[in-house]
Amino acid sequence: MKRYLKSLLQMIISMAILGALVFWMDREKAKWLLHEARFGYLVLTFLLCLADRFLMGFKFRFLLRAISIRITQVEMFRIYYICSLQGLVIPFGVGPDLLKYWRIRKLGVPHADLVAAILMERFLGMAATACLILGSIALLVLRLSRAVSSYLVVFFLVIAAGVSGIAGLAFSTPFRNRLFQVFRIRRLSTMGRIEPYYQAFARFRGNERIIAGFWGLSFLEQFIPVLVIFFVARALSVGVSFTDCLAVIPITTFVERLPLSFDGIGVREMSNVFLFGLIHIDYDTSLTFSLVAYGVFLASLAPAALWAFFEPLRPEPVVENSPPGGPV
């Protein structure tokens, strides 16, 4: 019950912020921008949103290969695509992950292996996001700085150290072992309820190439929201460069994922208005292309409703779960 109340509160916050933003908006200017829109760019944005769902499924399928679990790419795309739609109405922040777990579990994937893979996906995804956000902050500071000072050089060095630390945590075995010793994770892993999950995580050991490949794909995925905003801005003939989008959108994406609002509505638009305002994009223009980009994203999920409707008519696929020692 508390979770539903929390979701209701988040929805009220989202509607209040969005309502306030639209109230102060010059709607005549927004209508003019939409009237002059170039729909070719909007179609390209629509296809880019579909590609994002496909890439998400491809990444997770790639990660499952590290523990010798094989699911077809079409099946994985279907799972991610439908879960992205259904996750919009689940009253938890982890709704899509729960739906994904439930659907993949039905294919016969072991519980501990699936939980370990989902947590590994989240950790590596957050690591890639953190690195890109650090880079975006550096770009934004550079964009706003008229001269390179010693403080700016120190700032970039701190960012480089942060990226190196995240990469070390993801790929350096001695670094992770030291961290485990500090937090006594080895001792906790011997507890009865935790040991199966720890053993499932241990199956990723020795697959650094696959993990590195997944991390690289995660970086690629982080660029898709940047391209979405860039193409929508081009559709509305807004003079925003790709560098400007790269300096703003990763930060906005992080802010919208905070558990403050419902699906980031309102918070995302407010962040775009503020951050694009720093680089001299006016309020009405940045709010307009932010709303259009989210509208295109929602439209890209519409076919998932049809796919989910006919889902009971399709046969259940079979997943291949090879033994731990099998080929990857």
C-alpha atoms as a PDB file:
ATOM      1  CA  MET A   1       0.000   0.000   0.000  1.00  0.00           C
ATOM      2  CA  LYS A   2       2.853   2.374   0.842  1.00  0.00           C
ATOM      3  CA  ARG A   3       4.372   1.761  -2.600  1.00  0.00           C
ATOM      4  CA  TYR A   4       1.127   2.791  -4.298  1.00  0.00           C
ATOM      5  CA  LEU A   5       0.948   5.921  -2.152  1.00  0.00           C
ATOM      6  CA  LYS A   6       4.548   6.703  -3.087  1.00  0.00           C
ATOM      7  CA  SER A   7       3.702   6.296  -6.782  1.00  0.00           C
ATOM      8  CA  LEU A   8       0.635   8.507  -6.345  1.00  0.00           C
ATOM      9  CA  LEU A   9       2.783  11.178  -4.688  1.00  0.00           C
ATOM     10  CA  GLN A  10       5.352  10.925  -7.505  1.00  0.00           C
ATOM     11  CA  MET A  11       2.573  11.309 -10.084  1.00  0.00           C
ATOM     12  CA  ILE A  12       1.215  14.396  -8.272  1.00  0.00           C
ATOM     13  CA  ILE A  13       4.731  15.907  -8.176  1.00  0.00           C
ATOM     14  CA  SER A  14       5.214  15.176 -11.888  1.00  0.00           C
ATOM     15  CA  MET A  15       1.893  16.704 -12.908  1.00  0.00           C
ATOM     16  CA  ALA A  16       2.469  19.748 -10.678  1.00  0.00           C
ATOM     17  CA  ILE A  17       5.945  20.452 -12.135  1.00  0.00           C
ATOM     18  CA  LEU A  18       4.818  19.810 -15.710  1.00  0.00           C
ATOM     19  CA  GLY A  19       1.689  21.932 -15.249  1.00  0.00           C
ATOM     20  CA  ALA A  20       3.738  24.826 -13.885  1.00  0.00           C
ATOM     21  CA  LEU A  21       6.233  24.570 -16.768  1.00  0.00           C
ATOM     22  CA  VAL A  22       3.488  24.538 -19.415  1.00  0.00           C
ATOM     23  CA  PHE A  23       1.619  27.381 -17.670  1.00  0.00           C
ATOM     24  CA  TRP A  24       4.605  29.731 -18.052  1.00  0.00           C
ATOM     25  CA  MET A  25       5.285  28.537 -21.582  1.00  0.00           C
ATOM     26  CA  ASP A  26       4.685  30.667 -24.671  1.00  0.00           C
ATOM     27  CA  ARG A  27       2.282  28.268 -26.346  1.00  0.00           C
ATOM     28  CA  GLU A  28       2.090  30.309 -29.537  1.00  0.00           C
ATOM     29  CA  LYS A  29       5.829  29.912 -30.028  1.00  0.00           C
ATOM     30  CA  ALA A  30       5.521  26.168 -29.348  1.00  0.00           C
ATOM     31  CA  LYS A  31       2.767  25.907 -31.985  1.00  0.00           C
ATOM     32  CA  TRP A  32       4.972  27.749 -34.483  1.00  0.00           C
ATOM     33  CA  LEU A  33       7.886  25.377 -33.816  1.00  0.00           C
ATOM     34  CA  LEU A  34       5.626  22.340 -34.257  1.00  0.00           C
ATOM     35  CA  HIS A  35       4.059  23.785 -37.408  1.00  0.00           C
ATOM     36  CA  GLU A  36       7.485  24.160 -38.984  1.00  0.00           C
ATOM     37  CA  ALA A  37       8.649  20.683 -37.855  1.00  0.00           C
ATOM     38  CA  ARG A  38      10.507  18.490 -40.339  1.00  0.00           C
ATOM     39  CA  PHE A  39       8.900  15.083 -39.923  1.00  0.00           C
ATOM     40  CA  GLY A  40      11.773  13.182 -41.503  1.00  0.00           C
ATOM     41  CA  TYR A  41      13.829  13.823 -38.377  1.00  0.00           C
ATOM     42  CA  LEU A  42      10.915  12.734 -36.166  1.00  0.00           C
ATOM     43  CA  VAL A  43      10.643   9.445 -38.064  1.00  0.00           C
ATOM     44  CA  LEU A  44      14.377   8.957 -37.588  1.00  0.00           C
ATOM     45  CA  THR A  45      13.926   9.646 -33.858  1.00  0.00           C
ATOM     46  CA  PHE A  46      11.116   7.071 -33.719  1.00  0.00           C
ATOM     47  CA  LEU A  47      13.368   4.433 -35.304  1.00  0.00           C
ATOM     48  CA  LEU A  48      16.184   5.397 -32.931  1.00  0.00           C
ATOM     49  CA  CYS A  49      13.918   4.729 -29.924  1.00  0.00           C
ATOM     50  CA  LEU A  50      13.118   1.287 -31.352  1.00  0.00           C
ATOM     51  CA  ALA A  51      16.826   0.642 -31.872  1.00  0.00           C
ATOM     52  CA  ASP A  52      17.401   1.506 -28.217  1.00  0.00           C
ATOM     53  CA  ARG A  53      15.061  -1.303 -27.086  1.00  0.00           C
ATOM     54  CA  PHE A  54      16.791  -3.689 -29.507  1.00  0.00           C
ATOM     55  CA  LEU A  55      20.219  -2.717 -28.167  1.00  0.00           C
ATOM     56  CA  MET A  56      19.064  -3.250 -24.569  1.00  0.00           C
ATOM     57  CA  GLY A  57      17.990  -6.794 -25.398  1.00  0.00           C
ATOM     58  CA  PHE A  58      21.176  -7.450 -27.365  1.00  0.00           C
ATOM     59  CA  LYS A  59      23.311  -6.277 -24.413  1.00  0.00           C
ATOM     60  CA  PHE A  60      21.590  -8.507 -21.883  1.00  0.00           C
ATOM     61  CA  ARG A  61      21.715 -11.488 -24.230  1.00  0.00           C
ATOM     62  CA  PHE A  62      25.435 -10.789 -24.648  1.00  0.00           C
ATOM     63  CA  LEU A  63      25.850 -10.754 -20.851  1.00  0.00           C
ATOM     64  CA  LEU A  64      23.955 -14.033 -20.443  1.00  0.00           C
ATOM     65  CA  ARG A  65      26.458 -15.688 -22.770  1.00  0.00           C
ATOM     66  CA  ALA A  66      29.057 -15.258 -20.021  1.00  0.00           C
ATOM     67  CA  ILE A  67      27.133 -17.794 -17.914  1.00  0.00           C
ATOM     68  CA  SER A  68      26.246 -20.029 -20.884  1.00  0.00           C
ATOM     69  CA  ILE A  69      22.587 -19.067 -21.148  1.00  0.00           C
ATOM     70  CA  ARG A  70      21.350 -18.526 -24.682  1.00  0.00           C
ATOM     71  CA  ILE A  71      18.098 -16.801 -25.718  1.00  0.00           C
ATOM     72  CA  THR A  72      17.284 -15.734 -29.265  1.00  0.00           C
ATOM     73  CA  GLN A  73      17.690 -12.062 -30.142  1.00  0.00           C
ATOM     74  CA  VAL A  74      14.068 -11.768 -31.297  1.00  0.00           C
ATOM     75  CA  GLU A  75      12.847 -13.158 -27.977  1.00  0.00           C
ATOM     76  CA  MET A  76      15.064 -10.827 -25.980  1.00  0.00           C
ATOM     77  CA  PHE A  77      13.924  -7.811 -28.006  1.00  0.00           C
ATOM     78  CA  ARG A  78      10.299  -8.816 -27.421  1.00  0.00           C
ATOM     79  CA  ILE A  79      10.893  -9.055 -23.662  1.00  0.00           C
ATOM     80  CA  TYR A  80      12.597  -5.666 -23.407  1.00  0.00           C
ATOM     81  CA  TYR A  81      10.142  -3.969 -25.738  1.00  0.00           C
ATOM     82  CA  ILE A  82       6.999  -5.142 -23.960  1.00  0.00           C
ATOM     83  CA  CYS A  83       8.510  -4.639 -20.490  1.00  0.00           C
ATOM     84  CA  SER A  84       9.406  -1.049 -21.395  1.00  0.00           C
ATOM     85  CA  LEU A  85       5.727  -0.382 -22.095  1.00  0.00           C
ATOM     86  CA  GLN A  86       4.335  -2.289 -19.121  1.00  0.00           C
ATOM     87  CA  GLY A  87       6.981  -0.806 -16.820  1.00  0.00           C
ATOM     88  CA  LEU A  88       5.424   2.645 -17.289  1.00  0.00           C
ATOM     89  CA  VAL A  89       2.462   1.631 -15.122  1.00  0.00           C
ATOM     90  CA  ILE A  90       4.215  -0.507 -12.528  1.00  0.00           C
ATOM     91  CA  PRO A  91       4.258   1.440  -9.216  1.00  0.00           C
ATOM     92  CA  PHE A  92       7.909   0.755  -8.386  1.00  0.00           C
ATOM     93  CA  GLY A  93      11.166   2.194  -9.645  1.00  0.00           C
ATOM     94  CA  VAL A  94      12.320  -1.310 -10.613  1.00  0.00           C
ATOM     95  CA  GLY A  95       9.137  -2.276 -12.465  1.00  0.00           C
ATOM     96  CA  PRO A  96      10.776  -3.120 -15.817  1.00  0.00           C
ATOM     97  CA  ASP A  97      13.398  -5.280 -14.046  1.00  0.00           C
ATOM     98  CA  LEU A  98      10.707  -7.223 -12.183  1.00  0.00           C
ATOM     99  CA  LEU A  99       8.771  -7.806 -15.395  1.00  0.00           C
ATOM    100  CA  LYS A 100      11.930  -8.819 -17.208  1.00  0.00           C
ATOM    101  CA  TYR A 101      12.798 -11.237 -14.401  1.00  0.00           C
ATOM    102  CA  TRP A 102       9.324 -12.788 -14.512  1.00  0.00           C
ATOM    103  CA  ARG A 103       9.345 -13.240 -18.289  1.00  0.00           C
ATOM    104  CA  ILE A 104      12.876 -14.655 -18.556  1.00  0.00           C
ATOM    105  CA  ARG A 105      12.317 -16.881 -15.514  1.00  0.00           C
ATOM    106  CA  LYS A 106       9.404 -18.489 -17.387  1.00  0.00           C
ATOM    107  CA  LEU A 107      11.915 -19.579 -20.041  1.00  0.00           C
ATOM    108  CA  GLY A 108      13.651 -21.802 -17.485  1.00  0.00           C
ATOM    109  CA  VAL A 109      16.622 -19.641 -16.519  1.00  0.00           C
ATOM    110  CA  PRO A 110      17.795 -20.452 -12.937  1.00  0.00           C
ATOM    111  CA  HIS A 111      16.725 -17.902 -10.335  1.00  0.00           C
ATOM    112  CA  ALA A 112      20.182 -17.131  -8.887  1.00  0.00           C
ATOM    113  CA  ASP A 113      21.814 -16.823 -12.325  1.00  0.00           C
ATOM    114  CA  LEU A 114      19.089 -14.468 -13.546  1.00  0.00           C
ATOM    115  CA  VAL A 115      19.288 -12.254 -10.430  1.00  0.00           C
ATOM    116  CA  ALA A 116      23.085 -12.111 -10.726  1.00  0.00           C
ATOM    117  CA  ALA A 117      22.842 -11.166 -14.421  1.00  0.00           C
ATOM    118  CA  ILE A 118      20.278  -8.419 -13.774  1.00  0.00           C
ATOM    119  CA  LEU A 119      22.380  -6.960 -10.936  1.00  0.00           C
ATOM    120  CA  MET A 120      25.515  -7.160 -13.093  1.00  0.00           C
ATOM    121  CA  GLU A 121      23.636  -5.395 -15.892  1.00  0.00           C
ATOM    122  CA  ARG A 122      22.569  -2.642 -13.499  1.00  0.00           C
ATOM    123  CA  PHE A 123      26.049  -2.196 -12.019  1.00  0.00           C
ATOM    124  CA  LEU A 124      27.849  -2.028 -15.366  1.00  0.00           C
ATOM    125  CA  GLY A 125      25.134   0.234 -16.775  1.00  0.00           C
ATOM    126  CA  MET A 126      25.464   2.616 -13.825  1.00  0.00           C
ATOM    127  CA  ALA A 127      29.258   2.551 -14.184  1.00  0.00           C
ATOM    128  CA  ALA A 128      28.980   3.540 -17.855  1.00  0.00           C
ATOM    129  CA  THR A 129      26.406   6.213 -16.980  1.00  0.00           C
ATOM    130  CA  ALA A 130      28.631   7.619 -14.240  1.00  0.00           C
ATOM    131  CA  CYS A 131      31.595   7.902 -16.618  1.00  0.00           C
ATOM    132  CA  LEU A 132      29.488   9.614 -19.270  1.00  0.00           C
ATOM    133  CA  ILE A 133      27.997  12.023 -16.714  1.00  0.00           C
ATOM    134  CA  LEU A 134      31.490  13.007 -15.589  1.00  0.00           C
ATOM    135  CA  GLY A 135      32.397  13.669 -19.200  1.00  0.00           C
ATOM    136  CA  SER A 136      29.184  15.657 -19.714  1.00  0.00           C
ATOM    137  CA  ILE A 137      29.915  17.814 -16.672  1.00  0.00           C
ATOM    138  CA  ALA A 138      33.388  18.470 -18.080  1.00  0.00           C
ATOM    139  CA  LEU A 139      31.895  19.449 -21.460  1.00  0.00           C
ATOM    140  CA  LEU A 140      29.337  21.716 -19.801  1.00  0.00           C
ATOM    141  CA  VAL A 141      31.981  23.440 -17.685  1.00  0.00           C
ATOM    142  CA  LEU A 142      34.186  23.852 -20.758  1.00  0.00           C
ATOM    143  CA  ARG A 143      31.213  25.183 -22.719  1.00  0.00           C
ATOM    144  CA  LEU A 144      30.537  27.785 -20.021  1.00  0.00           C
ATOM    145  CA  SER A 145      34.189  28.702 -19.422  1.00  0.00           C
ATOM    146  CA  ARG A 146      35.629  31.447 -21.547  1.00  0.00           C
ATOM    147  CA  ALA A 147      39.224  30.761 -20.490  1.00  0.00           C
ATOM    148  CA  VAL A 148      41.035  27.653 -19.310  1.00  0.00           C
ATOM    149  CA  SER A 149      42.226  28.231 -15.766  1.00  0.00           C
ATOM    150  CA  SER A 150      44.190  26.112 -13.324  1.00  0.00           C
ATOM    151  CA  TYR A 151      40.937  25.289 -11.520  1.00  0.00           C
ATOM    152  CA  LEU A 152      39.511  23.850 -14.748  1.00  0.00           C
ATOM    153  CA  VAL A 153      42.591  21.660 -15.218  1.00  0.00           C
ATOM    154  CA  VAL A 154      42.190  20.333 -11.664  1.00  0.00           C
ATOM    155  CA  PHE A 155      38.510  19.696 -12.374  1.00  0.00           C
ATOM    156  CA  PHE A 156      39.364  17.588 -15.426  1.00  0.00           C
ATOM    157  CA  LEU A 157      41.971  15.648 -13.427  1.00  0.00           C
ATOM    158  CA  VAL A 158      39.364  14.837 -10.782  1.00  0.00           C
ATOM    159  CA  ILE A 159      36.985  13.615 -13.495  1.00  0.00           C
ATOM    160  CA  ALA A 160      39.727  11.448 -15.023  1.00  0.00           C
ATOM    161  CA  ALA A 161      40.440   9.960 -11.581  1.00  0.00           C
ATOM    162  CA  GLY A 162      36.737   9.221 -11.115  1.00  0.00           C
ATOM    163  CA  VAL A 163      36.463   7.461 -14.486  1.00  0.00           C
ATOM    164  CA  SER A 164      39.618   5.434 -13.718  1.00  0.00           C
ATOM    165  CA  GLY A 165      38.207   4.429 -10.319  1.00  0.00           C
ATOM    166  CA  ILE A 166      34.940   3.236 -11.858  1.00  0.00           C
ATOM    167  CA  ALA A 167      36.789   1.271 -14.535  1.00  0.00           C
ATOM    168  CA  GLY A 168      39.066  -0.256 -11.886  1.00  0.00           C
ATOM    169  CA  LEU A 169      36.063  -1.371  -9.853  1.00  0.00           C
ATOM    170  CA  ALA A 170      34.519  -2.976 -12.916  1.00  0.00           C
ATOM    171  CA  PHE A 171      37.570  -4.786 -14.322  1.00  0.00           C
ATOM    172  CA  SER A 172      40.383  -4.975 -11.773  1.00  0.00           C
ATOM    173  CA  THR A 173      40.277  -8.200  -9.765  1.00  0.00           C
ATOM    174  CA  PRO A 174      42.802  -6.996  -7.089  1.00  0.00           C
ATOM    175  CA  PHE A 175      40.773  -3.804  -6.655  1.00  0.00           C
ATOM    176  CA  ARG A 176      37.551  -5.770  -6.168  1.00  0.00           C
ATOM    177  CA  ASN A 177      39.219  -8.245  -3.793  1.00  0.00           C
ATOM    178  CA  ARG A 178      40.475  -5.387  -1.643  1.00  0.00           C
ATOM    179  CA  LEU A 179      36.997  -3.876  -1.632  1.00  0.00           C
ATOM    180  CA  PHE A 180      35.516  -7.225  -0.597  1.00  0.00           C
ATOM    181  CA  GLN A 181      37.968  -7.391   2.304  1.00  0.00           C
ATOM    182  CA  VAL A 182      37.081  -3.891   3.493  1.00  0.00           C
ATOM    183  CA  PHE A 183      33.333  -4.558   3.472  1.00  0.00           C
ATOM    184  CA  ARG A 184      33.689  -8.218   4.563  1.00  0.00           C
ATOM    185  CA  ILE A 185      31.735  -9.428   1.545  1.00  0.00           C
ATOM    186  CA  ARG A 186      33.574 -12.774   1.549  1.00  0.00           C
ATOM    187  CA  ARG A 187      32.308 -13.502   5.033  1.00  0.00           C
ATOM    188  CA  LEU A 188      28.757 -12.451   4.138  1.00  0.00           C
ATOM    189  CA  SER A 189      28.829 -14.678   1.056  1.00  0.00           C
ATOM    190  CA  THR A 190      28.999 -17.820   3.220  1.00  0.00           C
ATOM    191  CA  MET A 191      25.533 -17.128   4.669  1.00  0.00           C
ATOM    192  CA  GLY A 192      22.968 -19.665   3.476  1.00  0.00           C
ATOM    193  CA  ARG A 193      20.646 -17.269   1.645  1.00  0.00           C
ATOM    194  CA  ILE A 194      23.427 -15.224   0.036  1.00  0.00           C
ATOM    195  CA  GLU A 195      25.791 -18.011  -1.046  1.00  0.00           C
ATOM    196  CA  PRO A 196      23.762 -19.093  -4.165  1.00  0.00           C
ATOM    197  CA  TYR A 197      23.838 -15.515  -5.485  1.00  0.00           C
ATOM    198  CA  TYR A 198      27.541 -15.149  -4.723  1.00  0.00           C
ATOM    199  CA  GLN A 199      28.225 -18.390  -6.604  1.00  0.00           C
ATOM    200  CA  ALA A 200      26.131 -17.098  -9.497  1.00  0.00           C
ATOM    201  CA  PHE A 201      28.229 -13.918  -9.594  1.00  0.00           C
ATOM    202  CA  ALA A 202      31.362 -16.065  -9.489  1.00  0.00           C
ATOM    203  CA  ARG A 203      30.342 -17.560 -12.852  1.00  0.00           C
ATOM    204  CA  PHE A 204      31.202 -14.204 -14.447  1.00  0.00           C
ATOM    205  CA  ARG A 205      34.812 -14.617 -13.296  1.00  0.00           C
ATOM    206  CA  GLY A 206      37.197 -15.089 -16.216  1.00  0.00           C
ATOM    207  CA  ASN A 207      34.784 -13.453 -18.692  1.00  0.00           C
ATOM    208  CA  GLU A 208      36.319  -9.977 -18.597  1.00  0.00           C
ATOM    209  CA  ARG A 209      36.161  -9.705 -22.400  1.00  0.00           C
ATOM    210  CA  ILE A 210      32.404 -10.214 -22.426  1.00  0.00           C
ATOM    211  CA  ILE A 211      31.978  -7.829 -19.489  1.00  0.00           C
ATOM    212  CA  ALA A 212      34.152  -5.236 -21.250  1.00  0.00           C
ATOM    213  CA  GLY A 213      32.085  -5.691 -24.413  1.00  0.00           C
ATOM    214  CA  PHE A 214      28.890  -5.199 -22.416  1.00  0.00           C
ATOM    215  CA  TRP A 215      30.348  -2.042 -20.860  1.00  0.00           C
ATOM    216  CA  GLY A 216      31.187  -0.711 -24.310  1.00  0.00           C
ATOM    217  CA  LEU A 217      27.635  -1.422 -25.498  1.00  0.00           C
ATOM    218  CA  SER A 218      26.344   0.378 -22.402  1.00  0.00           C
ATOM    219  CA  PHE A 219      28.333   3.446 -23.447  1.00  0.00           C
ATOM    220  CA  LEU A 220      26.800   3.187 -26.918  1.00  0.00           C
ATOM    221  CA  GLU A 221      23.320   2.994 -25.406  1.00  0.00           C
ATOM    222  CA  GLN A 222      23.941   6.153 -23.351  1.00  0.00           C
ATOM    223  CA  PHE A 223      24.415   8.097 -26.586  1.00  0.00           C
ATOM    224  CA  ILE A 224      20.938   7.228 -27.915  1.00  0.00           C
ATOM    225  CA  PRO A 225      19.047   9.738 -25.678  1.00  0.00           C
ATOM    226  CA  VAL A 226      21.594  12.353 -26.780  1.00  0.00           C
ATOM    227  CA  LEU A 227      20.869  11.581 -30.442  1.00  0.00           C
ATOM    228  CA  VAL A 228      17.112  11.598 -29.777  1.00  0.00           C
ATOM    229  CA  ILE A 229      17.214  15.170 -28.439  1.00  0.00           C
ATOM    230  CA  PHE A 230      19.628  16.222 -31.185  1.00  0.00           C
ATOM    231  CA  PHE A 231      17.334  14.921 -33.972  1.00  0.00           C
ATOM    232  CA  VAL A 232      14.212  16.417 -32.353  1.00  0.00           C
ATOM    233  CA  ALA A 233      16.012  19.772 -32.123  1.00  0.00           C
ATOM    234  CA  ARG A 234      16.903  19.425 -35.802  1.00  0.00           C
ATOM    235  CA  ALA A 235      13.257  18.603 -36.569  1.00  0.00           C
ATOM    236  CA  LEU A 236      12.183  21.867 -34.909  1.00  0.00           C
ATOM    237  CA  SER A 237      15.062  23.821 -36.550  1.00  0.00           C
ATOM    238  CA  VAL A 238      16.616  24.628 -33.176  1.00  0.00           C
ATOM    239  CA  GLY A 239      20.297  25.602 -33.254  1.00  0.00           C
ATOM    240  CA  VAL A 240      21.578  23.012 -30.782  1.00  0.00           C
ATOM    241  CA  SER A 241      24.834  21.222 -31.573  1.00  0.00           C
ATOM    242  CA  PHE A 242      25.545  17.584 -30.804  1.00  0.00           C
ATOM    243  CA  THR A 243      28.179  18.735 -28.285  1.00  0.00           C
ATOM    244  CA  ASP A 244      25.544  20.808 -26.473  1.00  0.00           C
ATOM    245  CA  CYS A 245      23.264  17.772 -26.265  1.00  0.00           C
ATOM    246  CA  LEU A 246      26.145  15.620 -25.046  1.00  0.00           C
ATOM    247  CA  ALA A 247      26.888  18.159 -22.315  1.00  0.00           C
ATOM    248  CA  VAL A 248      23.274  18.249 -21.079  1.00  0.00           C
ATOM    249  CA  ILE A 249      21.311  15.038 -21.771  1.00  0.00           C
ATOM    250  CA  PRO A 250      23.379  12.505 -19.727  1.00  0.00           C
ATOM    251  CA  ILE A 251      22.936  14.764 -16.674  1.00  0.00           C
ATOM    252  CA  THR A 252      19.215  15.112 -17.382  1.00  0.00           C
ATOM    253  CA  THR A 253      18.871  11.341 -17.851  1.00  0.00           C
ATOM    254  CA  PHE A 254      20.467  10.766 -14.453  1.00  0.00           C
ATOM    255  CA  VAL A 255      18.203  13.318 -12.754  1.00  0.00           C
ATOM    256  CA  GLU A 256      15.026  11.867 -14.285  1.00  0.00           C
ATOM    257  CA  ARG A 257      15.905   8.399 -12.940  1.00  0.00           C
ATOM    258  CA  LEU A 258      15.961   9.650  -9.357  1.00  0.00           C
ATOM    259  CA  PRO A 259      12.871   8.443  -7.426  1.00  0.00           C
ATOM    260  CA  LEU A 260      11.357  11.930  -7.307  1.00  0.00           C
ATOM    261  CA  SER A 261       8.710  11.777 -10.010  1.00  0.00           C
ATOM    262  CA  PHE A 262       6.659   9.378 -12.120  1.00  0.00           C
ATOM    263  CA  ASP A 263       8.808   8.143 -15.024  1.00  0.00           C
ATOM    264  CA  GLY A 264      10.834  11.359 -14.783  1.00  0.00           C
ATOM    265  CA  ILE A 265       7.920  13.465 -16.062  1.00  0.00           C
ATOM    266  CA  GLY A 266       8.333  17.102 -15.104  1.00  0.00           C
ATOM    267  CA  VAL A 267      11.791  16.617 -13.604  1.00  0.00           C
ATOM    268  CA  ARG A 268      13.238  15.777 -17.026  1.00  0.00           C
ATOM    269  CA  GLU A 269      11.674  18.851 -18.648  1.00  0.00           C
ATOM    270  CA  MET A 270      12.729  21.113 -15.785  1.00  0.00           C
ATOM    271  CA  SER A 271      16.325  19.844 -16.042  1.00  0.00           C
ATOM    272  CA  ASN A 272      16.391  20.408 -19.803  1.00  0.00           C
ATOM    273  CA  VAL A 273      15.024  23.930 -19.421  1.00  0.00           C
ATOM    274  CA  PHE A 274      17.622  24.806 -16.791  1.00  0.00           C
ATOM    275  CA  LEU A 275      20.676  23.186 -18.387  1.00  0.00           C
ATOM    276  CA  PHE A 276      19.941  24.273 -21.969  1.00  0.00           C
ATOM    277  CA  GLY A 277      19.243  27.714 -20.541  1.00  0.00           C
ATOM    278  CA  LEU A 278      22.845  27.834 -19.369  1.00  0.00           C
ATOM    279  CA  ILE A 279      23.959  27.546 -22.991  1.00  0.00           C
ATOM    280  CA  HIS A 280      21.478  30.199 -24.138  1.00  0.00           C
ATOM    281  CA  ILE A 281      18.573  28.091 -25.438  1.00  0.00           C
ATOM    282  CA  ASP A 282      15.401  29.897 -24.421  1.00  0.00           C
ATOM    283  CA  TYR A 283      12.793  28.426 -22.059  1.00  0.00           C
ATOM    284  CA  ASP A 284       9.997  27.855 -24.572  1.00  0.00           C
ATOM    285  CA  THR A 285      12.218  26.204 -27.171  1.00  0.00           C
ATOM    286  CA  SER A 286      13.941  23.776 -24.784  1.00  0.00           C
ATOM    287  CA  LEU A 287      10.628  22.809 -23.152  1.00  0.00           C
ATOM    288  CA  THR A 288       9.022  22.231 -26.558  1.00  0.00           C
ATOM    289  CA  PHE A 289      11.656  19.864 -27.933  1.00  0.00           C
ATOM    290  CA  SER A 290      11.868  18.089 -24.572  1.00  0.00           C
ATOM    291  CA  LEU A 291       8.111  17.366 -24.650  1.00  0.00           C
ATOM    292  CA  VAL A 292       8.257  16.331 -28.312  1.00  0.00           C
ATOM    293  CA  ALA A 293      11.137  13.922 -27.631  1.00  0.00           C
ATOM    294  CA  TYR A 294       9.197  12.238 -24.816  1.00  0.00           C
ATOM    295  CA  GLY A 295       6.101  12.077 -27.027  1.00  0.00           C
ATOM    296  CA  VAL A 296       8.073  10.303 -29.766  1.00  0.00           C
ATOM    297  CA  PHE A 297       9.441   7.868 -27.173  1.00  0.00           C
ATOM    298  CA  LEU A 298       5.906   7.011 -26.008  1.00  0.00           C
ATOM    299  CA  ALA A 299       4.784   6.618 -29.624  1.00  0.00           C
ATOM    300  CA  SER A 300       7.662   4.201 -30.243  1.00  0.00           C
ATOM    301  CA  LEU A 301       6.245   1.930 -27.504  1.00  0.00           C
ATOM    302  CA  ALA A 302       2.758   1.796 -29.049  1.00  0.00           C
ATOM    303  CA  PRO A 303       3.504  -1.274 -31.250  1.00  0.00           C
ATOM    304  CA  ALA A 304       4.508  -3.142 -28.067  1.00  0.00           C
ATOM    305  CA  ALA A 305       0.854  -3.027 -26.973  1.00  0.00           C
ATOM    306  CA  LEU A 306      -0.152  -4.907 -30.140  1.00  0.00           C
ATOM    307  CA  TRP A 307       2.676  -7.392 -29.676  1.00  0.00           C
ATOM    308  CA  ALA A 308       1.602  -8.016 -26.069  1.00  0.00           C
ATOM    309  CA  PHE A 309      -2.032  -8.443 -27.164  1.00  0.00           C
ATOM    310  CA  PHE A 310      -1.174 -11.365 -29.462  1.00  0.00           C
ATOM    311  CA  GLU A 311       1.370 -12.821 -27.042  1.00  0.00           C
ATOM    312  CA  PRO A 312      -0.895 -15.641 -25.709  1.00  0.00           C
ATOM    313  CA  LEU A 313      -1.164 -17.041 -29.262  1.00  0.00           C
ATOM    314  CA  ARG A 314       2.560 -17.651 -29.685  1.00  0.00           C
ATOM    315  CA  PRO A 315       4.347 -20.854 -28.515  1.00  0.00           C
ATOM    316  CA  GLU A 316       6.754 -20.651 -25.568  1.00  0.00           C
ATOM    317  CA  PRO A 317      10.402 -20.559 -26.711  1.00  0.00           C
ATOM    318  CA  VAL A 318      12.995 -22.840 -25.231  1.00  0.00           C
ATOM    319  CA  VAL A 319      16.133 -21.439 -23.604  1.00  0.00           C
ATOM    320  CA  GLU A 320      19.411 -23.295 -23.716  1.00  0.00           C
ATOM    321  CA  ASN A 321      21.060 -23.394 -20.291  1.00  0.00           C
ATOM    322  CA  SER A 322      24.491 -24.916 -20.784  1.00  0.00           C
ATOM    323  CA  PRO A 323      26.542 -26.194 -17.862  1.00  0.00           C
ATOM    324  CA  PRO A 324      29.038 -23.741 -16.282  1.00  0.00           C
ATOM    325  CA  GLY A 325      31.982 -25.354 -17.974  1.00  0.00           C
ATOM    326  CA  GLY A 326      30.444 -25.254 -21.436  1.00  0.00           C
ATOM    327  CA  PRO A 327      31.597 -22.998 -24.241  1.00  0.00           C
ATOM    328  CA  VAL A 328      30.559 -19.362 -24.085  1.00  0.00           C
END
